[in-house]
Amino acid sequence: MEGGPSWGSSPAFRPWDITSFSREGAVERVGGTRRRARDGAGSIGTLTEWWAYDGSLGRAATHLRGSCSCGWRGETLYPLDWDEAHEEPPYAYDTSGPERDWKRHTEEVRSALVSLPADLVALLDQVNEQVARLSDGEPLLALRAGNILLNGTQLSMQNVAWTVERDGIGMSAVGAAIGCTSDQAERRLRSYR
C-alpha cells in the first residue's frame, strides 16, 4: 500500500505554532501489483501514485484511503472506479473521502498538541523571520545564528530527555504533545542524549 501525491504542505509552516500545524497527507492505493519506476539506467524506485496502479501492468488497485507521513492509515476504504478515473486526468478524480479522513486525523493530532504561550510563539516567529532574512543576503550570519540556536536548544533538549525518563512520561504522551507517533518521539528523545 503506497502513498501518492501529497496535500497539506503549508508554505507558512511554523513547527512551534499549532495554528499552522502541517503534515504530509496522501491518497493511498489499496491492492494492485507493485510497480517500479524506471529510467534509462534501470530501476529508480517504486511508483507511489495511486493512478499508476490501473491494472495495465498487473493487478489493479481496488480502493483508496487517506494516509499520513506519521504512519497513520485511514480505516475507511473508498472503492476505486477505473472507468470514471480514466475519463479525466488523475487529479480530477474525486479523492475527497480520503482527503477528509486525513484532515480529520490532523485535527485530532492538532488538538492533542501542547500549546505554547503566545509570547514564546511571538519570539520564535521573530527569530525565525530574522534568520530567514539573513539567509538570503548574509548567509554566514544566518549560519552563525542557527548554530547558536542549535547549541543552546541541544543542551535544553538533553535535559528534557532525562526529565521525561526520570518522570516516567510515556512515549505516547510525548508523541501526542509534539504531534508525532510514540516511535518517532522515542527516536527524537534518544537523539537528544
N, C-alpha and C. Protein backbone atom coordinates (compact mmCIF):
# COMPACT_ATOMS: atom_id res chain seq x y z
N MET A 1 0.83 -1.17 0.00
CA MET A 1 0.00 0.00 0.00
C MET A 1 0.88 1.24 0.00
N GLU A 2 0.87 1.93 -1.07
CA GLU A 2 1.76 3.06 -1.27
C GLU A 2 0.97 4.36 -1.31
N GLY A 3 1.63 5.46 -0.93
CA GLY A 3 1.00 6.76 -0.95
C GLY A 3 1.05 7.38 -2.33
N GLY A 4 0.55 8.58 -2.45
CA GLY A 4 0.54 9.27 -3.72
C GLY A 4 0.93 10.71 -3.53
N PRO A 5 0.51 11.57 -4.42
CA PRO A 5 0.87 12.97 -4.30
C PRO A 5 0.32 13.54 -3.01
N SER A 6 1.07 14.40 -2.41
CA SER A 6 0.65 14.87 -1.10
C SER A 6 -0.13 16.17 -1.19
N TRP A 7 -0.94 16.38 -0.22
CA TRP A 7 -1.61 17.65 0.00
C TRP A 7 -1.33 17.98 1.45
N GLY A 8 -1.47 19.20 1.85
CA GLY A 8 -1.33 19.53 3.25
C GLY A 8 -0.02 20.22 3.59
N SER A 9 0.86 20.41 2.65
CA SER A 9 2.07 21.15 2.97
C SER A 9 1.70 22.61 3.11
N SER A 10 2.13 23.21 4.16
CA SER A 10 1.78 24.60 4.41
C SER A 10 3.00 25.47 4.17
N PRO A 11 2.95 26.43 3.23
CA PRO A 11 4.12 27.26 2.98
C PRO A 11 4.50 28.12 4.18
N ALA A 12 3.56 28.36 5.08
CA ALA A 12 3.84 29.17 6.25
C ALA A 12 3.98 28.29 7.49
N PHE A 13 4.48 27.08 7.31
CA PHE A 13 4.60 26.13 8.42
C PHE A 13 5.53 26.67 9.49
N ARG A 14 5.02 26.73 10.70
CA ARG A 14 5.80 27.14 11.87
C ARG A 14 5.66 26.01 12.87
N PRO A 15 6.71 25.17 13.04
CA PRO A 15 6.56 23.97 13.86
C PRO A 15 6.20 24.24 15.31
N TRP A 16 6.37 25.44 15.79
CA TRP A 16 6.07 25.74 17.18
C TRP A 16 4.65 26.25 17.36
N ASP A 17 3.94 26.47 16.28
CA ASP A 17 2.63 27.10 16.35
C ASP A 17 1.56 26.11 15.89
N ILE A 18 0.68 25.70 16.78
CA ILE A 18 -0.32 24.70 16.41
C ILE A 18 -1.32 25.22 15.40
N THR A 19 -1.40 26.54 15.20
CA THR A 19 -2.35 27.04 14.22
C THR A 19 -1.85 26.82 12.80
N SER A 20 -0.56 26.52 12.63
CA SER A 20 -0.06 26.24 11.28
C SER A 20 0.54 24.83 11.22
N PHE A 21 0.03 23.95 12.07
CA PHE A 21 0.47 22.56 12.11
C PHE A 21 0.36 21.94 10.71
N SER A 22 1.34 21.18 10.32
CA SER A 22 1.32 20.61 8.99
C SER A 22 1.88 19.20 8.99
N ARG A 23 1.28 18.37 8.19
CA ARG A 23 1.75 17.01 7.93
C ARG A 23 1.53 16.75 6.46
N GLU A 24 2.27 15.81 5.95
CA GLU A 24 2.08 15.42 4.56
C GLU A 24 1.00 14.35 4.51
N GLY A 25 -0.02 14.59 3.72
CA GLY A 25 -1.07 13.62 3.53
C GLY A 25 -1.05 13.11 2.10
N ALA A 26 -1.60 11.94 1.88
CA ALA A 26 -1.63 11.37 0.55
C ALA A 26 -2.84 10.47 0.39
N VAL A 27 -3.25 10.29 -0.86
CA VAL A 27 -4.24 9.28 -1.20
C VAL A 27 -3.44 8.02 -1.46
N GLU A 28 -3.77 6.98 -0.74
CA GLU A 28 -3.02 5.73 -0.84
C GLU A 28 -3.85 4.68 -1.54
N ARG A 29 -3.24 3.92 -2.41
CA ARG A 29 -3.94 2.83 -3.08
C ARG A 29 -3.98 1.61 -2.17
N VAL A 30 -4.98 0.80 -2.35
CA VAL A 30 -5.09 -0.47 -1.66
C VAL A 30 -5.22 -1.52 -2.74
N GLY A 31 -4.32 -2.50 -2.73
CA GLY A 31 -4.30 -3.52 -3.77
C GLY A 31 -3.46 -3.06 -4.94
N GLY A 32 -3.36 -3.90 -5.92
CA GLY A 32 -2.60 -3.58 -7.12
C GLY A 32 -1.19 -4.15 -7.03
N THR A 33 -0.67 -4.53 -8.18
CA THR A 33 0.68 -5.07 -8.27
C THR A 33 1.69 -3.94 -8.13
N ARG A 34 2.67 -4.12 -7.27
CA ARG A 34 3.70 -3.11 -7.03
C ARG A 34 4.43 -2.81 -8.34
N ARG A 35 4.65 -1.53 -8.60
CA ARG A 35 5.30 -1.11 -9.85
C ARG A 35 6.58 -0.37 -9.54
N ARG A 36 7.59 -0.66 -10.33
CA ARG A 36 8.87 0.00 -10.20
C ARG A 36 8.97 1.11 -11.24
N ALA A 37 9.49 2.25 -10.83
CA ALA A 37 9.75 3.33 -11.78
C ALA A 37 11.12 3.08 -12.39
N ARG A 38 11.23 3.34 -13.69
CA ARG A 38 12.50 3.07 -14.37
C ARG A 38 12.89 4.28 -15.20
N ASP A 39 14.20 4.44 -15.32
CA ASP A 39 14.72 5.41 -16.26
C ASP A 39 15.63 4.64 -17.21
N GLY A 40 16.39 5.32 -18.02
CA GLY A 40 17.26 4.65 -18.98
C GLY A 40 18.30 3.76 -18.35
N ALA A 41 18.68 4.05 -17.11
CA ALA A 41 19.73 3.28 -16.43
C ALA A 41 19.16 2.12 -15.61
N GLY A 42 17.86 2.04 -15.46
CA GLY A 42 17.28 0.96 -14.67
C GLY A 42 16.26 1.47 -13.67
N SER A 43 16.02 0.68 -12.63
CA SER A 43 15.00 0.99 -11.64
C SER A 43 15.42 2.18 -10.79
N ILE A 44 14.49 3.10 -10.55
CA ILE A 44 14.79 4.26 -9.71
C ILE A 44 13.87 4.33 -8.50
N GLY A 45 13.08 3.29 -8.26
CA GLY A 45 12.22 3.27 -7.08
C GLY A 45 10.84 2.73 -7.39
N THR A 46 10.00 2.76 -6.39
CA THR A 46 8.64 2.26 -6.53
C THR A 46 7.69 3.42 -6.78
N LEU A 47 6.80 3.25 -7.75
CA LEU A 47 5.78 4.27 -8.01
C LEU A 47 4.82 4.32 -6.84
N THR A 48 4.46 5.50 -6.41
CA THR A 48 3.54 5.62 -5.29
C THR A 48 2.20 6.24 -5.68
N GLU A 49 2.10 6.84 -6.84
CA GLU A 49 0.85 7.49 -7.24
C GLU A 49 -0.23 6.44 -7.44
N TRP A 50 -1.39 6.65 -6.85
CA TRP A 50 -2.47 5.66 -6.93
C TRP A 50 -2.86 5.36 -8.35
N TRP A 51 -2.83 6.36 -9.23
CA TRP A 51 -3.30 6.18 -10.60
C TRP A 51 -2.34 5.33 -11.44
N ALA A 52 -1.14 5.07 -10.95
CA ALA A 52 -0.21 4.20 -11.67
C ALA A 52 -0.60 2.72 -11.54
N TYR A 53 -1.54 2.41 -10.68
CA TYR A 53 -1.94 1.03 -10.41
C TYR A 53 -3.29 0.71 -11.04
N ASP A 54 -3.39 1.02 -12.34
CA ASP A 54 -4.65 0.86 -13.07
C ASP A 54 -4.84 -0.53 -13.67
N GLY A 55 -3.92 -1.44 -13.43
CA GLY A 55 -4.04 -2.80 -13.94
C GLY A 55 -3.33 -3.02 -15.26
N SER A 56 -2.75 -1.98 -15.84
CA SER A 56 -2.09 -2.14 -17.13
C SER A 56 -0.84 -3.02 -17.04
N LEU A 57 -0.24 -3.12 -15.89
CA LEU A 57 0.95 -3.96 -15.72
C LEU A 57 0.78 -4.95 -14.57
N GLY A 58 -0.40 -5.42 -14.36
CA GLY A 58 -0.65 -6.35 -13.26
C GLY A 58 -2.02 -6.10 -12.67
N ARG A 59 -2.18 -6.53 -11.44
CA ARG A 59 -3.46 -6.37 -10.75
C ARG A 59 -3.70 -4.90 -10.42
N ALA A 60 -4.93 -4.45 -10.64
CA ALA A 60 -5.28 -3.05 -10.40
C ALA A 60 -5.58 -2.80 -8.93
N ALA A 61 -5.32 -1.57 -8.48
CA ALA A 61 -5.74 -1.15 -7.14
C ALA A 61 -7.26 -1.17 -7.10
N THR A 62 -7.81 -1.51 -5.95
CA THR A 62 -9.26 -1.63 -5.83
C THR A 62 -9.90 -0.52 -5.00
N HIS A 63 -9.13 0.07 -4.08
CA HIS A 63 -9.67 1.08 -3.17
C HIS A 63 -8.63 2.17 -2.92
N LEU A 64 -9.11 3.28 -2.38
CA LEU A 64 -8.25 4.38 -1.93
C LEU A 64 -8.53 4.61 -0.45
N ARG A 65 -7.56 5.19 0.24
CA ARG A 65 -7.74 5.62 1.62
C ARG A 65 -6.76 6.74 1.90
N GLY A 66 -7.02 7.48 2.96
CA GLY A 66 -6.12 8.54 3.36
C GLY A 66 -4.90 7.96 4.07
N SER A 67 -3.79 8.67 3.99
CA SER A 67 -2.59 8.26 4.71
C SER A 67 -1.83 9.52 5.12
N CYS A 68 -0.93 9.35 6.07
CA CYS A 68 -0.18 10.49 6.61
C CYS A 68 1.29 10.12 6.76
N SER A 69 2.14 11.13 6.71
CA SER A 69 3.58 10.91 6.84
C SER A 69 3.95 10.35 8.20
N CYS A 70 3.05 10.43 9.18
CA CYS A 70 3.35 9.90 10.52
C CYS A 70 3.15 8.39 10.59
N GLY A 71 2.59 7.80 9.55
CA GLY A 71 2.33 6.37 9.55
C GLY A 71 0.86 6.02 9.67
N TRP A 72 0.01 6.99 9.96
CA TRP A 72 -1.42 6.75 10.06
C TRP A 72 -1.97 6.32 8.71
N ARG A 73 -2.89 5.38 8.73
CA ARG A 73 -3.60 4.93 7.54
C ARG A 73 -5.08 4.95 7.86
N GLY A 74 -5.87 5.56 7.00
CA GLY A 74 -7.31 5.63 7.20
C GLY A 74 -7.94 4.25 7.21
N GLU A 75 -8.96 4.10 8.05
CA GLU A 75 -9.67 2.82 8.14
C GLU A 75 -10.70 2.67 7.03
N THR A 76 -11.27 3.77 6.58
CA THR A 76 -12.31 3.70 5.56
C THR A 76 -11.67 3.50 4.19
N LEU A 77 -12.16 2.49 3.47
CA LEU A 77 -11.69 2.22 2.11
C LEU A 77 -12.73 2.73 1.13
N TYR A 78 -12.28 3.49 0.15
CA TYR A 78 -13.16 4.06 -0.86
C TYR A 78 -12.96 3.32 -2.17
N PRO A 79 -14.04 2.69 -2.70
CA PRO A 79 -13.90 1.94 -3.95
C PRO A 79 -13.36 2.82 -5.07
N LEU A 80 -12.50 2.24 -5.87
CA LEU A 80 -11.86 2.95 -6.97
C LEU A 80 -12.53 2.52 -8.28
N ASP A 81 -13.17 3.46 -8.96
CA ASP A 81 -13.85 3.19 -10.22
C ASP A 81 -12.92 3.59 -11.37
N TRP A 82 -12.27 2.59 -11.96
CA TRP A 82 -11.28 2.88 -13.00
C TRP A 82 -11.92 3.44 -14.26
N ASP A 83 -13.17 3.06 -14.57
CA ASP A 83 -13.84 3.63 -15.74
C ASP A 83 -13.96 5.15 -15.58
N GLU A 84 -14.38 5.56 -14.41
CA GLU A 84 -14.50 7.00 -14.12
C GLU A 84 -13.13 7.66 -14.03
N ALA A 85 -12.18 6.99 -13.41
CA ALA A 85 -10.83 7.55 -13.24
C ALA A 85 -10.14 7.81 -14.57
N HIS A 86 -10.44 6.98 -15.59
CA HIS A 86 -9.79 7.15 -16.89
C HIS A 86 -10.45 8.22 -17.75
N GLU A 87 -11.61 8.73 -17.35
CA GLU A 87 -12.30 9.76 -18.13
C GLU A 87 -11.62 11.12 -18.03
N GLU A 88 -10.95 11.39 -16.93
CA GLU A 88 -10.34 12.69 -16.67
C GLU A 88 -8.89 12.49 -16.24
N PRO A 89 -8.10 13.57 -16.18
CA PRO A 89 -6.75 13.43 -15.61
C PRO A 89 -6.87 12.95 -14.16
N PRO A 90 -5.85 12.25 -13.64
CA PRO A 90 -5.95 11.69 -12.29
C PRO A 90 -6.29 12.71 -11.20
N TYR A 91 -5.78 13.93 -11.34
CA TYR A 91 -6.03 14.93 -10.30
C TYR A 91 -7.49 15.37 -10.26
N ALA A 92 -8.27 15.05 -11.31
CA ALA A 92 -9.68 15.42 -11.34
C ALA A 92 -10.57 14.35 -10.68
N TYR A 93 -10.03 13.17 -10.41
CA TYR A 93 -10.82 12.10 -9.79
C TYR A 93 -11.16 12.49 -8.36
N ASP A 94 -12.36 12.16 -7.93
CA ASP A 94 -12.83 12.54 -6.59
C ASP A 94 -12.12 11.73 -5.50
N THR A 95 -11.20 12.38 -4.81
CA THR A 95 -10.49 11.76 -3.67
C THR A 95 -10.86 12.48 -2.37
N SER A 96 -12.03 13.11 -2.37
CA SER A 96 -12.42 13.90 -1.20
C SER A 96 -12.59 13.05 0.05
N GLY A 97 -13.00 11.79 -0.09
CA GLY A 97 -13.16 10.92 1.09
C GLY A 97 -11.84 10.71 1.82
N PRO A 98 -10.81 10.19 1.11
CA PRO A 98 -9.51 10.02 1.78
C PRO A 98 -8.94 11.34 2.30
N GLU A 99 -9.12 12.42 1.55
CA GLU A 99 -8.61 13.72 2.00
C GLU A 99 -9.32 14.16 3.28
N ARG A 100 -10.62 13.97 3.33
CA ARG A 100 -11.41 14.33 4.51
C ARG A 100 -10.95 13.52 5.74
N ASP A 101 -10.71 12.22 5.52
CA ASP A 101 -10.22 11.38 6.62
C ASP A 101 -8.88 11.87 7.13
N TRP A 102 -7.99 12.24 6.21
CA TRP A 102 -6.66 12.74 6.61
C TRP A 102 -6.79 14.06 7.38
N LYS A 103 -7.66 14.94 6.91
CA LYS A 103 -7.85 16.21 7.61
C LYS A 103 -8.39 15.98 9.02
N ARG A 104 -9.31 15.03 9.16
CA ARG A 104 -9.85 14.70 10.49
C ARG A 104 -8.71 14.16 11.38
N HIS A 105 -7.84 13.33 10.82
CA HIS A 105 -6.69 12.81 11.57
C HIS A 105 -5.80 13.96 12.05
N THR A 106 -5.49 14.91 11.17
CA THR A 106 -4.61 16.00 11.58
C THR A 106 -5.27 16.89 12.63
N GLU A 107 -6.59 17.04 12.56
CA GLU A 107 -7.30 17.82 13.58
C GLU A 107 -7.21 17.13 14.94
N GLU A 108 -7.31 15.80 14.94
CA GLU A 108 -7.16 15.06 16.20
C GLU A 108 -5.75 15.22 16.77
N VAL A 109 -4.75 15.14 15.89
CA VAL A 109 -3.36 15.32 16.34
C VAL A 109 -3.16 16.73 16.86
N ARG A 110 -3.66 17.71 16.12
CA ARG A 110 -3.51 19.11 16.50
C ARG A 110 -4.13 19.39 17.87
N SER A 111 -5.29 18.77 18.13
CA SER A 111 -5.97 19.05 19.40
C SER A 111 -5.21 18.49 20.60
N ALA A 112 -4.31 17.53 20.36
CA ALA A 112 -3.54 16.95 21.46
C ALA A 112 -2.19 17.64 21.68
N LEU A 113 -1.80 18.53 20.78
CA LEU A 113 -0.51 19.21 20.93
C LEU A 113 -0.49 20.10 22.16
N VAL A 114 0.68 20.23 22.74
CA VAL A 114 0.86 21.15 23.86
C VAL A 114 0.91 22.57 23.29
N SER A 115 0.09 23.46 23.81
CA SER A 115 0.07 24.85 23.34
C SER A 115 1.22 25.62 23.96
N LEU A 116 1.83 26.45 23.13
CA LEU A 116 2.89 27.32 23.62
C LEU A 116 2.29 28.66 24.03
N PRO A 117 2.89 29.32 25.03
CA PRO A 117 2.43 30.66 25.39
C PRO A 117 2.60 31.63 24.21
N ALA A 118 1.70 32.56 24.09
CA ALA A 118 1.71 33.50 22.96
C ALA A 118 3.01 34.28 22.88
N ASP A 119 3.59 34.66 24.03
CA ASP A 119 4.84 35.43 23.97
C ASP A 119 5.99 34.59 23.42
N LEU A 120 5.99 33.28 23.70
CA LEU A 120 7.02 32.41 23.15
C LEU A 120 6.83 32.22 21.65
N VAL A 121 5.58 32.07 21.21
CA VAL A 121 5.30 31.96 19.78
C VAL A 121 5.79 33.21 19.06
N ALA A 122 5.51 34.39 19.62
CA ALA A 122 5.93 35.65 19.00
C ALA A 122 7.45 35.72 18.92
N LEU A 123 8.13 35.32 19.98
CA LEU A 123 9.59 35.34 19.99
C LEU A 123 10.16 34.38 18.95
N LEU A 124 9.62 33.16 18.87
CA LEU A 124 10.08 32.20 17.88
C LEU A 124 9.84 32.71 16.46
N ASP A 125 8.69 33.33 16.24
CA ASP A 125 8.41 33.93 14.93
C ASP A 125 9.44 34.99 14.57
N GLN A 126 9.74 35.85 15.54
CA GLN A 126 10.69 36.93 15.30
C GLN A 126 12.08 36.38 14.97
N VAL A 127 12.54 35.41 15.73
CA VAL A 127 13.87 34.82 15.48
C VAL A 127 13.87 34.15 14.10
N ASN A 128 12.84 33.39 13.80
CA ASN A 128 12.77 32.69 12.51
C ASN A 128 12.78 33.67 11.35
N GLU A 129 12.01 34.74 11.46
CA GLU A 129 11.97 35.74 10.40
C GLU A 129 13.32 36.41 10.20
N GLN A 130 14.01 36.74 11.29
CA GLN A 130 15.31 37.39 11.17
C GLN A 130 16.35 36.46 10.54
N VAL A 131 16.37 35.20 10.96
CA VAL A 131 17.31 34.24 10.38
C VAL A 131 16.97 34.02 8.90
N ALA A 132 15.68 33.94 8.57
CA ALA A 132 15.28 33.76 7.17
C ALA A 132 15.73 34.94 6.32
N ARG A 133 15.58 36.16 6.82
CA ARG A 133 16.04 37.35 6.08
C ARG A 133 17.55 37.30 5.87
N LEU A 134 18.28 36.92 6.92
CA LEU A 134 19.74 36.83 6.81
C LEU A 134 20.18 35.76 5.82
N SER A 135 19.41 34.69 5.71
CA SER A 135 19.84 33.57 4.87
C SER A 135 19.99 33.95 3.40
N ASP A 136 19.25 34.95 2.94
CA ASP A 136 19.39 35.40 1.55
C ASP A 136 20.58 36.31 1.34
N GLY A 137 20.74 37.33 2.17
CA GLY A 137 21.79 38.32 1.96
C GLY A 137 23.05 38.12 2.78
N GLU A 138 22.92 37.52 3.94
CA GLU A 138 24.05 37.31 4.85
C GLU A 138 24.07 35.86 5.33
N PRO A 139 24.36 34.92 4.43
CA PRO A 139 24.26 33.51 4.81
C PRO A 139 25.19 33.10 5.96
N LEU A 140 26.33 33.72 6.09
CA LEU A 140 27.24 33.36 7.18
C LEU A 140 26.69 33.81 8.53
N LEU A 141 26.04 34.99 8.55
CA LEU A 141 25.40 35.43 9.79
C LEU A 141 24.24 34.49 10.15
N ALA A 142 23.46 34.11 9.14
CA ALA A 142 22.35 33.18 9.39
C ALA A 142 22.88 31.85 9.91
N LEU A 143 23.97 31.39 9.34
CA LEU A 143 24.57 30.13 9.79
C LEU A 143 25.03 30.24 11.24
N ARG A 144 25.66 31.34 11.59
CA ARG A 144 26.11 31.52 12.97
C ARG A 144 24.92 31.57 13.92
N ALA A 145 23.89 32.33 13.55
CA ALA A 145 22.70 32.42 14.41
C ALA A 145 22.06 31.04 14.56
N GLY A 146 21.96 30.30 13.47
CA GLY A 146 21.39 28.96 13.54
C GLY A 146 22.20 28.04 14.44
N ASN A 147 23.51 28.13 14.35
CA ASN A 147 24.36 27.29 15.21
C ASN A 147 24.22 27.65 16.68
N ILE A 148 24.10 28.92 16.97
CA ILE A 148 23.90 29.34 18.36
C ILE A 148 22.58 28.77 18.88
N LEU A 149 21.53 28.86 18.06
CA LEU A 149 20.23 28.30 18.47
C LEU A 149 20.31 26.80 18.66
N LEU A 150 20.94 26.11 17.72
CA LEU A 150 21.06 24.65 17.83
C LEU A 150 21.83 24.24 19.09
N ASN A 151 22.95 24.90 19.34
CA ASN A 151 23.74 24.55 20.53
C ASN A 151 22.97 24.81 21.81
N GLY A 152 22.29 25.94 21.88
CA GLY A 152 21.53 26.26 23.08
C GLY A 152 20.36 25.31 23.30
N THR A 153 19.64 25.02 22.23
CA THR A 153 18.49 24.13 22.40
C THR A 153 18.93 22.69 22.61
N GLN A 154 20.08 22.31 22.08
CA GLN A 154 20.55 20.93 22.29
C GLN A 154 20.75 20.66 23.78
N LEU A 155 21.33 21.60 24.49
CA LEU A 155 21.52 21.43 25.93
C LEU A 155 20.17 21.31 26.65
N SER A 156 19.23 22.15 26.25
CA SER A 156 17.90 22.10 26.87
C SER A 156 17.21 20.79 26.54
N MET A 157 17.35 20.31 25.31
CA MET A 157 16.68 19.08 24.91
C MET A 157 17.30 17.86 25.60
N GLN A 158 18.59 17.90 25.89
CA GLN A 158 19.19 16.82 26.68
C GLN A 158 18.53 16.74 28.04
N ASN A 159 18.33 17.91 28.64
CA ASN A 159 17.67 17.96 29.95
C ASN A 159 16.23 17.45 29.84
N VAL A 160 15.54 17.83 28.77
CA VAL A 160 14.16 17.35 28.55
C VAL A 160 14.14 15.83 28.48
N ALA A 161 15.06 15.24 27.71
CA ALA A 161 15.08 13.78 27.55
C ALA A 161 15.27 13.09 28.90
N TRP A 162 16.18 13.60 29.70
CA TRP A 162 16.42 12.98 31.01
C TRP A 162 15.23 13.20 31.95
N THR A 163 14.61 14.37 31.88
CA THR A 163 13.45 14.65 32.73
C THR A 163 12.27 13.77 32.37
N VAL A 164 12.03 13.58 31.08
CA VAL A 164 10.95 12.70 30.63
C VAL A 164 11.18 11.28 31.16
N GLU A 165 12.43 10.81 31.06
CA GLU A 165 12.74 9.47 31.56
C GLU A 165 12.59 9.41 33.08
N ARG A 166 13.14 10.40 33.77
CA ARG A 166 13.07 10.42 35.23
C ARG A 166 11.63 10.43 35.73
N ASP A 167 10.78 11.22 35.06
CA ASP A 167 9.40 11.36 35.50
C ASP A 167 8.49 10.24 34.98
N GLY A 168 9.05 9.33 34.17
CA GLY A 168 8.28 8.21 33.67
C GLY A 168 7.17 8.61 32.71
N ILE A 169 7.38 9.66 31.95
CA ILE A 169 6.39 10.10 30.97
C ILE A 169 6.44 9.15 29.78
N GLY A 170 5.31 8.57 29.43
CA GLY A 170 5.23 7.60 28.34
C GLY A 170 5.43 8.23 26.98
N MET A 171 5.94 7.43 26.05
CA MET A 171 6.20 7.93 24.70
C MET A 171 4.92 8.30 23.96
N SER A 172 3.80 7.65 24.29
CA SER A 172 2.54 8.04 23.64
C SER A 172 2.15 9.46 24.05
N ALA A 173 2.38 9.80 25.32
CA ALA A 173 2.09 11.16 25.79
C ALA A 173 3.04 12.17 25.16
N VAL A 174 4.32 11.80 25.05
CA VAL A 174 5.31 12.69 24.42
C VAL A 174 4.93 12.91 22.95
N GLY A 175 4.62 11.81 22.26
CA GLY A 175 4.24 11.92 20.85
C GLY A 175 3.02 12.78 20.64
N ALA A 176 2.01 12.58 21.47
CA ALA A 176 0.79 13.39 21.35
C ALA A 176 1.08 14.86 21.61
N ALA A 177 1.95 15.13 22.56
CA ALA A 177 2.25 16.52 22.93
C ALA A 177 2.98 17.27 21.82
N ILE A 178 3.78 16.55 21.03
CA ILE A 178 4.56 17.24 19.98
C ILE A 178 4.10 16.89 18.58
N GLY A 179 3.07 16.02 18.45
CA GLY A 179 2.48 15.76 17.15
C GLY A 179 3.17 14.70 16.32
N CYS A 180 3.62 13.63 16.97
CA CYS A 180 4.23 12.53 16.23
C CYS A 180 3.85 11.21 16.89
N THR A 181 4.28 10.11 16.30
CA THR A 181 3.97 8.81 16.87
C THR A 181 4.87 8.56 18.08
N SER A 182 4.53 7.56 18.88
CA SER A 182 5.35 7.24 20.04
C SER A 182 6.73 6.75 19.61
N ASP A 183 6.82 6.03 18.50
CA ASP A 183 8.13 5.59 18.00
C ASP A 183 8.98 6.78 17.58
N GLN A 184 8.37 7.73 16.88
CA GLN A 184 9.10 8.93 16.47
C GLN A 184 9.53 9.73 17.69
N ALA A 185 8.67 9.82 18.69
CA ALA A 185 9.02 10.55 19.92
C ALA A 185 10.20 9.89 20.61
N GLU A 186 10.19 8.58 20.68
CA GLU A 186 11.29 7.87 21.32
C GLU A 186 12.61 8.10 20.58
N ARG A 187 12.56 8.02 19.25
CA ARG A 187 13.78 8.28 18.46
C ARG A 187 14.27 9.71 18.66
N ARG A 188 13.33 10.64 18.69
CA ARG A 188 13.71 12.04 18.87
C ARG A 188 14.37 12.26 20.23
N LEU A 189 13.76 11.73 21.29
CA LEU A 189 14.36 11.90 22.62
C LEU A 189 15.72 11.22 22.71
N ARG A 190 15.84 10.05 22.08
CA ARG A 190 17.12 9.36 22.07
C ARG A 190 18.20 10.20 21.38
N SER A 191 17.81 10.92 20.33
CA SER A 191 18.78 11.75 19.60
C SER A 191 19.25 12.95 20.42
N TYR A 192 18.49 13.32 21.45
CA TYR A 192 18.87 14.47 22.28
C TYR A 192 19.91 14.11 23.31
N ARG A 193 20.08 12.85 23.60
CA ARG A 193 21.00 12.45 24.69
C ARG A 193 22.44 12.51 24.28
